[in-house]
C-alpha cells in the first residue's frame, strides 16, 4: 500500500536534496580526476559569482549566492585557504572587504567548465534530457521565491 502524505522519497524536497548530492559527487569526482581535489563543490557559491564579476564585496557575494553574510564570510575563508581567492579591504570603504580570484582560480576555471559540461551531457542523455530546459527554468524560478 502506498504511503500517504509528503514524507516519502518522491517528495520534491527529498528529490532535490538527492539530486544535489549526486551533482556534488559528480563535481567532486570530476575535480579529483582533473587534479583539483582541493576544490570542493561548495566553493561554487563563492567562485561562480566571482567568475561573473571579480572583486565583489562579501555582502554582494552573499546576495548573489543567496547565503547570509556570515555564511559567506566562512565560505570565503575556506576558499581562501584553498588558494583560490584573496580578500582585500575595499579602497573606498575600509570597513568592507572585497574578494578577488587568484591565478590558481583562473587556471581552475576551464577545468570547472569541462567538468560541468560533462555532467550536463550526462544529464541530457535519455528521456530526461528533453526536459532540461524546463527544469532549468523551474529551478531558476523556484530559487527566486521570496
Protein backbone atom coordinates (compact mmCIF):
# COMPACT_ATOMS: atom_id res chain seq x y z
CA UNK A 1 0.00 0.00 0.00
CA UNK A 2 1.28 3.47 -0.91
CA UNK A 3 2.10 5.77 2.00
CA UNK A 4 0.07 8.95 2.29
CA UNK A 5 1.43 12.43 2.94
CA UNK A 6 4.56 14.26 1.91
CA UNK A 7 7.16 12.29 3.87
CA UNK A 8 8.10 9.97 1.03
CA UNK A 9 11.13 9.56 -1.21
CA UNK A 10 9.19 11.15 -4.09
CA UNK A 11 8.76 14.34 -2.05
CA UNK A 12 10.07 17.30 -4.07
CA UNK A 13 12.45 18.45 -1.33
CA UNK A 14 13.89 14.97 -0.86
CA UNK A 15 14.36 14.59 -4.63
CA UNK A 16 16.05 18.00 -4.89
CA UNK A 17 18.39 17.13 -2.00
CA UNK A 18 19.30 13.75 -3.51
CA UNK A 19 19.84 15.30 -6.96
CA UNK A 20 22.09 17.94 -5.38
CA UNK A 21 24.05 15.25 -3.55
CA UNK A 22 24.59 13.37 -6.80
CA UNK A 23 25.57 16.58 -8.63
CA UNK A 24 28.14 17.36 -5.93
CA UNK A 25 29.50 13.80 -6.05
CA UNK A 26 29.98 14.17 -9.81
CA UNK A 27 31.69 17.54 -9.35
CA UNK A 28 33.99 16.15 -6.66
CA UNK A 29 34.88 13.14 -8.84
CA UNK A 30 35.50 15.35 -11.89
CA UNK A 31 37.66 17.82 -9.96
CA UNK A 32 39.66 14.97 -8.45
CA UNK A 33 40.27 13.36 -11.88
CA UNK A 34 41.47 16.76 -13.14
CA UNK A 35 43.97 17.08 -10.29
CA UNK A 36 41.90 19.62 -8.36
CA UNK A 37 40.77 17.52 -5.40
CA UNK A 38 41.29 20.53 -3.10
CA UNK A 39 38.33 22.31 -4.75
CA UNK A 40 35.07 21.44 -3.01
CA UNK A 41 31.70 21.69 -4.81
CA UNK A 42 30.52 24.15 -2.15
CA UNK A 43 33.19 26.60 -3.34
CA UNK A 44 30.88 27.34 -6.27
CA UNK A 45 28.89 29.72 -4.07
CA UNK A 46 31.99 31.92 -3.95
CA UNK A 47 33.65 31.19 -7.29
CA UNK A 48 30.71 31.34 -9.71
CA UNK A 49 29.73 34.94 -8.84
CA UNK A 50 33.42 35.95 -8.96
CA UNK A 51 33.85 34.32 -12.37
CA UNK A 52 30.98 36.58 -13.47
CA UNK A 53 32.41 39.68 -11.76
CA UNK A 54 35.68 39.65 -9.86
CA UNK A 55 36.32 41.84 -6.83
CA UNK A 56 32.87 41.70 -5.25
CA UNK A 57 32.17 42.71 -1.68
CA UNK A 58 31.38 39.86 0.69
CA UNK A 59 27.80 41.16 1.07
CA UNK A 60 27.31 41.18 -2.70
CA UNK A 61 28.68 37.65 -2.94
CA UNK A 62 26.25 36.57 -0.23
CA UNK A 63 23.27 38.12 -2.03
CA UNK A 64 24.23 36.60 -5.38
CA UNK A 65 24.61 33.17 -3.79
CA UNK A 66 21.52 33.55 -1.60
CA UNK A 67 23.53 32.96 1.59
CA UNK A 68 23.81 35.01 4.75
CA UNK A 69 26.77 37.35 5.02
CA UNK A 70 28.05 35.33 7.98
CA UNK A 71 27.91 32.08 5.99
CA UNK A 72 29.61 33.74 3.03
CA UNK A 73 32.38 35.06 5.27
CA UNK A 74 33.04 31.50 6.44
CA UNK A 75 32.90 30.21 2.85
CA UNK A 76 35.32 32.87 1.61
CA UNK A 77 37.81 31.91 4.33
CA UNK A 78 37.63 28.26 3.23
CA UNK A 79 38.09 29.15 -0.45
CA UNK A 80 40.94 31.49 0.51
CA UNK A 81 42.53 28.64 2.47
CA UNK A 82 42.47 26.58 -0.73
CA UNK A 83 44.35 29.38 -2.51
CA UNK A 84 41.55 30.32 -4.91
CA UNK A 85 40.65 33.81 -3.64
CA UNK A 86 42.18 36.59 -1.60
CA UNK A 87 40.48 39.27 0.45
CA UNK A 88 41.42 42.92 0.49
CA UNK A 89 39.93 45.96 2.10
CA UNK A 90 37.72 48.00 -0.19
CA UNK A 91 39.74 51.14 -1.02
CA UNK A 92 36.54 53.23 -0.93
CA UNK A 93 35.26 51.81 2.37
CA UNK A 94 37.84 50.26 4.69
CA UNK A 95 35.05 48.56 6.69
CA UNK A 96 34.13 46.47 3.63
CA UNK A 97 36.10 43.59 2.17
CA UNK A 98 36.38 42.68 -1.50
CA UNK A 99 37.16 39.20 -2.73
CA UNK A 100 39.41 38.59 -5.74
CA UNK A 101 40.20 35.47 -7.72
CA UNK A 102 43.79 34.24 -7.63
CA UNK A 103 45.77 32.97 -10.60
CA UNK A 104 45.06 29.45 -9.40
CA UNK A 105 41.30 30.12 -9.59
CA UNK A 106 41.69 31.45 -13.13
CA UNK A 107 43.58 28.27 -14.08
CA UNK A 108 40.86 26.19 -12.42
CA UNK A 109 38.03 27.86 -14.37
CA UNK A 110 38.49 25.82 -17.61
CA UNK A 111 38.66 22.65 -15.50
CA UNK A 112 35.35 23.54 -13.86
CA UNK A 113 33.84 24.39 -17.27
CA UNK A 114 34.85 20.97 -18.66
CA UNK A 115 33.57 19.09 -15.61
CA UNK A 116 30.25 20.94 -15.66
CA UNK A 117 29.90 20.42 -19.41
CA UNK A 118 30.42 16.67 -18.94
CA UNK A 119 27.85 16.49 -16.13
CA UNK A 120 25.30 18.36 -18.26
CA UNK A 121 26.00 15.98 -21.15
CA UNK A 122 25.26 13.06 -18.84
CA UNK A 123 22.10 14.77 -17.60
CA UNK A 124 20.96 15.37 -21.18
CA UNK A 125 21.15 11.68 -22.07
CA UNK A 126 17.95 9.67 -22.24
CA UNK A 127 14.43 10.90 -21.82
CA UNK A 128 15.26 13.31 -19.01
CA UNK A 129 17.39 15.37 -21.39
CA UNK A 130 14.37 16.66 -23.26
CA UNK A 131 13.14 18.25 -20.04
CA UNK A 132 16.39 20.05 -19.12
CA UNK A 133 15.38 23.50 -20.45
CA UNK A 134 12.11 23.28 -18.50
CA UNK A 135 13.97 22.02 -15.41
CA UNK A 136 16.44 24.92 -15.67
CA UNK A 137 13.58 27.44 -15.90
CA UNK A 138 11.74 25.85 -12.98
CA UNK A 139 14.81 25.69 -10.74
CA UNK A 140 15.64 29.30 -11.56
CA UNK A 141 12.11 30.45 -10.75
CA UNK A 142 11.95 28.32 -7.60
CA UNK A 143 15.24 29.75 -6.32
CA UNK A 144 13.78 33.26 -6.59
CA UNK A 145 10.70 32.58 -4.45
CA UNK A 146 10.81 35.06 -1.56
